[in-house]
Protein backbone atom coordinates (compact mmCIF):
# COMPACT_ATOMS: atom_id res chain seq x y z
CA MET A 1 7.01 4.06 139.20
CA GLY A 2 5.55 0.95 140.52
CA VAL A 3 6.56 -0.98 137.15
CA SER A 4 9.95 0.38 137.10
CA ARG A 5 10.64 -0.60 140.94
CA ALA A 6 9.47 -4.24 140.26
CA LEU A 7 11.61 -4.52 137.01
CA LEU A 8 14.45 -3.47 139.16
CA LEU A 9 13.64 -5.72 141.85
CA LEU A 10 13.32 -8.82 139.14
CA LEU A 11 16.78 -7.62 137.84
CA LEU A 12 18.54 -7.56 141.09
CA LEU A 13 17.06 -10.95 141.66
CA CYS A 14 18.45 -12.37 138.36
CA LEU A 15 21.99 -10.93 139.03
CA GLY A 16 21.84 -12.45 142.70
CA ILE A 17 21.11 -15.88 141.09
CA CYS A 18 23.62 -15.47 138.37
CA LEU A 19 26.14 -14.40 141.08
CA GLY A 20 25.23 -17.47 143.33
CA VAL A 21 25.73 -20.04 140.43
CA ARG A 22 28.96 -18.45 139.37
CA ALA A 23 30.22 -18.79 143.13
CA ALA A 24 29.35 -22.17 143.25
CA ASP A 25 31.10 -22.97 140.10
CA GLN A 26 34.15 -21.22 141.83
CA ALA A 27 34.02 -22.97 144.85
CA PRO A 28 37.68 -23.77 146.02
CA LEU A 29 38.93 -27.33 145.14
CA PRO A 30 40.06 -29.56 148.01
CA GLY A 31 43.61 -29.93 148.35
CA LYS A 32 43.52 -33.91 147.78
CA VAL A 33 41.05 -36.43 145.93
CA ARG A 34 40.73 -39.51 148.15
CA ALA A 35 40.50 -42.47 145.54
CA ALA A 36 39.34 -45.89 146.50
CA SER A 37 40.07 -48.89 144.02
CA GLU A 38 40.55 -52.73 144.06
CA GLU A 39 44.06 -53.21 143.68
CA TRP A 40 44.58 -54.29 139.94
CA ALA A 41 47.93 -55.59 138.85
CA ALA A 42 49.80 -52.77 136.71
CA TYR A 43 46.59 -50.62 137.09
CA THR A 44 45.64 -49.38 140.55
CA GLN A 45 48.32 -51.36 142.80
CA ALA A 46 48.85 -50.65 146.49
CA ASP A 47 52.41 -49.21 146.01
CA GLY A 48 50.59 -46.25 143.74
CA GLN A 49 51.83 -47.73 140.49
CA GLY A 50 49.67 -48.42 137.67
CA MET A 51 48.21 -47.07 134.52
CA GLY A 52 44.86 -45.94 136.36
CA TRP A 53 46.73 -44.01 139.07
CA ASP A 54 48.96 -42.49 136.45
CA ILE A 55 45.60 -40.99 134.68
CA LEU A 56 44.01 -39.74 137.80
CA ARG A 57 47.50 -37.99 138.75
CA GLU A 58 47.45 -36.35 135.17
CA VAL A 59 43.86 -35.18 135.39
CA PHE A 60 43.98 -33.87 139.21
CA GLU A 61 47.53 -33.10 140.06
CA PRO A 62 48.20 -30.34 137.54
CA GLU A 63 45.35 -28.39 139.34
CA GLY A 64 46.70 -28.81 142.77
CA VAL A 65 44.62 -31.73 143.85
CA LYS A 66 46.90 -34.54 145.14
CA LEU A 67 45.83 -37.80 144.64
CA GLU A 68 45.53 -40.07 147.78
CA ILE A 69 45.11 -43.70 147.17
CA ARG A 70 43.55 -46.39 149.43
CA SER A 71 43.33 -50.24 148.15
CA VAL A 72 39.91 -52.06 149.19
CA PRO A 73 37.73 -54.71 147.48
CA TYR A 74 35.59 -53.49 144.64
CA THR A 75 32.36 -53.59 146.87
CA ARG A 76 33.79 -51.68 149.67
CA SER A 77 35.03 -48.90 147.41
CA THR A 78 31.44 -48.37 146.49
CA GLY A 79 30.32 -48.23 150.16
CA LEU A 80 33.04 -45.64 150.97
CA VAL A 81 32.16 -43.49 148.24
CA GLN A 82 28.46 -43.69 149.09
CA ARG A 83 29.14 -42.72 152.76
CA GLY A 84 31.56 -40.07 151.48
CA GLU A 85 34.53 -41.41 153.39
CA ALA A 86 36.24 -41.53 149.69
CA ASP A 87 35.90 -38.91 147.26
CA VAL A 88 36.02 -41.12 144.11
CA GLN A 89 35.75 -44.89 143.31
CA VAL A 90 37.85 -46.29 140.46
CA GLY A 91 36.73 -48.52 137.66
CA ALA A 92 32.97 -48.07 137.87
CA TYR A 93 30.32 -48.46 135.07
CA ARG A 94 27.97 -45.45 134.79
CA ASP A 95 25.07 -45.28 136.91
CA GLU A 96 25.65 -48.82 138.52
CA THR A 97 25.40 -47.64 142.08
CA GLU A 98 22.62 -45.40 143.75
CA GLY A 99 23.89 -42.42 145.49
CA VAL A 100 26.91 -42.19 143.54
CA LEU A 101 27.61 -39.38 141.08
CA TYR A 102 29.06 -40.00 137.45
CA PRO A 103 30.88 -37.85 135.22
CA LYS A 104 30.40 -37.09 131.37
CA TRP A 105 33.59 -38.52 130.38
CA HIS A 106 34.97 -42.14 130.87
CA TYR A 107 38.73 -42.50 131.29
CA ASP A 108 39.28 -45.93 130.05
CA VAL A 109 37.60 -48.98 128.70
CA ASP A 110 36.96 -52.50 130.03
CA HIS A 111 37.50 -55.01 127.27
CA ILE A 112 35.41 -57.81 128.58
CA TYR A 113 36.35 -61.35 127.65
CA ALA A 114 35.26 -64.85 128.38
CA LEU A 115 37.94 -67.41 129.60
CA GLY A 116 37.28 -70.78 129.00
CA LEU A 117 38.61 -74.32 128.00
CA MET A 118 39.72 -74.56 124.19
CA SER A 119 37.58 -78.03 124.09
CA LYS A 120 34.57 -75.68 124.77
CA PRO A 121 33.01 -73.73 121.74
CA ALA A 122 33.57 -69.91 121.93
CA PRO A 123 30.68 -68.29 123.21
CA THR A 124 28.84 -65.38 121.52
CA LEU A 125 26.52 -62.75 123.37
CA ALA A 126 23.72 -64.50 121.95
CA THR A 127 24.70 -68.05 123.22
CA LEU A 128 25.91 -66.91 126.78
CA GLY A 129 22.53 -68.00 128.46
CA ASN A 130 23.62 -71.70 127.63
CA TYR A 131 26.53 -71.54 129.91
CA ARG A 132 27.53 -71.36 133.55
CA LEU A 133 29.01 -68.07 134.06
CA VAL A 134 31.52 -67.25 137.02
CA TRP A 135 32.92 -63.63 137.97
CA MET A 136 34.21 -61.47 140.58
CA ARG A 137 31.78 -60.40 143.46
CA GLY A 138 30.23 -56.82 142.88
CA TYR A 139 31.08 -56.81 139.23
CA GLU A 140 27.46 -57.39 138.01
CA TYR A 141 28.03 -58.20 134.27
CA ASN A 142 24.72 -59.62 134.10
CA SER A 143 23.33 -56.04 134.00
CA TYR A 144 25.71 -55.43 130.95
CA LEU A 145 25.67 -59.21 128.96
CA PRO A 146 22.39 -60.02 127.36
CA ASN A 147 20.72 -63.55 127.71
CA VAL A 148 22.80 -64.36 131.17
CA ARG A 149 20.77 -66.82 133.04
CA ARG A 150 23.29 -69.04 135.23
CA PHE A 151 26.19 -67.32 137.10
CA ASN A 152 28.06 -67.24 140.24
CA GLU A 153 30.18 -64.64 141.92
CA ILE A 154 33.32 -65.42 143.89
CA HIS A 155 35.42 -63.55 146.29
CA ARG A 156 38.93 -64.45 144.92
CA ALA A 157 40.64 -65.24 141.94
CA VAL A 158 42.57 -67.97 143.37
CA GLY A 159 40.84 -71.28 141.82
CA ILE A 160 39.47 -69.95 138.68
CA LEU A 161 41.37 -72.04 136.47
CA PRO A 162 40.64 -75.33 138.31
CA MET A 163 36.98 -74.33 138.45
CA LEU A 164 37.29 -74.32 134.63
CA VAL A 165 39.32 -77.52 134.28
CA HIS A 166 36.96 -79.35 136.47
CA ASP A 167 33.95 -78.25 134.64
CA ARG A 168 32.53 -76.55 137.53
CA ALA A 169 31.92 -73.50 135.29
CA ASP A 170 31.99 -73.10 131.86
CA PHE A 171 33.49 -69.39 131.34
CA TYR A 172 35.05 -66.80 133.65
CA ILE A 173 34.08 -63.38 132.52
CA ASP A 174 36.24 -60.29 133.34
CA ALA A 175 38.29 -57.63 131.89
CA LEU A 176 41.17 -58.51 129.73
CA MET A 177 43.89 -57.31 131.73
CA GLU A 178 42.38 -59.37 134.66
CA ILE A 179 42.33 -62.46 132.75
CA GLN A 180 45.78 -62.16 131.39
CA ASP A 181 46.99 -61.94 135.13
CA VAL A 182 45.00 -65.06 135.91
CA LEU A 183 46.62 -66.74 132.85
CA SER A 184 50.17 -65.77 133.92
CA LYS A 185 49.76 -68.15 136.86
CA THR A 186 49.63 -71.43 134.80
CA ASP A 187 52.03 -73.37 133.19
CA ASN A 188 49.57 -74.66 130.39
CA PRO A 189 47.81 -71.29 129.08
CA GLN A 190 47.42 -73.05 125.73
CA GLN A 191 44.68 -75.00 127.18
CA PHE A 192 42.57 -72.01 127.42
CA ARG A 193 40.81 -69.64 124.94
CA LEU A 194 40.03 -66.14 125.25
CA THR A 195 36.78 -64.62 123.66
CA PRO A 196 35.89 -61.09 123.25
CA LEU A 197 32.17 -59.94 124.40
CA ILE A 198 31.96 -56.41 124.70
CA ASN A 199 33.75 -53.13 125.40
CA LEU A 200 32.40 -51.11 128.93
CA PRO A 201 33.55 -47.45 129.40
CA LEU A 202 35.03 -46.99 132.83
CA TYR A 203 34.21 -44.25 134.89
CA LEU A 204 34.94 -42.74 138.24
CA GLY A 205 32.13 -42.87 140.77
CA PHE A 206 32.19 -39.50 142.84
CA ALA A 207 30.87 -39.12 146.41
CA ASN A 208 27.44 -36.75 146.46
CA THR A 209 29.27 -34.37 148.85
CA GLU A 210 30.68 -30.79 148.19
CA ASN A 211 33.98 -32.08 147.70
CA GLY A 212 32.76 -34.70 145.37
CA ARG A 213 31.02 -32.47 143.01
CA ALA A 214 33.79 -29.88 142.95
CA LEU A 215 36.07 -33.03 141.94
CA ARG A 216 33.46 -34.05 139.34
CA ALA A 217 33.21 -30.80 137.60
CA LEU A 218 37.09 -30.62 137.59
CA TYR A 219 37.49 -34.07 136.31
CA ASP A 220 35.15 -33.10 133.35
CA ARG A 221 36.92 -29.92 132.55
CA ARG A 222 40.36 -31.51 132.64
CA MET A 223 39.35 -34.93 130.52
CA GLU A 224 37.78 -32.65 127.87
CA VAL A 225 41.45 -30.86 127.51
CA LEU A 226 43.38 -33.94 127.89
CA VAL A 227 41.53 -36.06 125.30
CA LYS A 228 41.18 -33.21 122.77
CA SER A 229 45.27 -32.62 123.34
CA GLY A 230 46.06 -36.19 122.94
CA GLN A 231 47.96 -35.64 126.55
CA LEU A 232 46.95 -39.05 127.73
CA LYS A 233 47.90 -41.24 124.87
CA PRO A 234 51.49 -41.52 125.86
CA ILE A 235 50.18 -42.99 129.31
CA PHE A 236 48.49 -45.73 127.38
CA GLU A 237 51.46 -46.37 125.39
CA ARG A 238 53.73 -46.64 128.39
CA TRP A 239 51.56 -49.50 129.90
CA LYS A 240 51.04 -50.95 126.47
CA GLN A 241 47.22 -50.60 126.41
CA PRO A 242 44.67 -49.61 123.83
CA TYR A 243 43.81 -45.91 123.80
CA PRO A 244 40.10 -45.58 124.85
CA PHE A 245 38.98 -42.65 122.48
CA ASP A 246 38.21 -42.37 119.02
CA GLU A 247 38.78 -39.34 117.11
CA ASN A 248 35.44 -37.83 118.44
CA GLY A 249 36.43 -38.72 121.94
CA LYS A 250 33.82 -41.85 122.11
CA PRO A 251 34.81 -45.40 123.36
CA PRO A 252 36.01 -47.63 120.61
CA LYS A 253 33.61 -50.16 119.11
CA PRO A 254 34.21 -53.86 120.00
């Protein structure tokens, strides 16, 4: 009798744990996802236009979670998520920030390039350490590019081209879309050379809160469906950007 009672108690305990896990998995979703992002042209514009916002709408809104956007500098978007004042940070690299939760699935890929004068030799990953590099504050490319020794961080993109022309830096490092936006503001783009360096998968960074954890689980479920079905491809085609998944759902190789 004692053994049977102990076995019954053990079964009830296991059942309770399973039901608790299931209840946690089925926790109600918030009605909105508060997304913070730097304002990137044609990607995460303050007016709600852009490919990044379109991707997030396709992920969340069919599940009844409305996208609410907030345009702030990149470093501030990180702080908002760390403090739980935003649910999601857009355009993050995986595991880059302590206290932020990262999903399994990336949603895009940053094609990282070096912008420099045509008169300078094209850099490679092996020779980057020979040059003076510059990039936007908070991007921390030194964590992802090898051999980097000399670099400065700037707060604004204004003045990048004069820095290169007047030999105050050798190369500006950024994603291709951002560099193309910088070059669109010069009358002499042929003076500059673009050199591909590395592809870095882009993730959403989620707040370590109840809502953040529920939204991360939803995001991964939705991305698995959307990638396998190809439903995201029209968004990338509409914005004339390369599709960030191969046939296995992995990032493309550089």
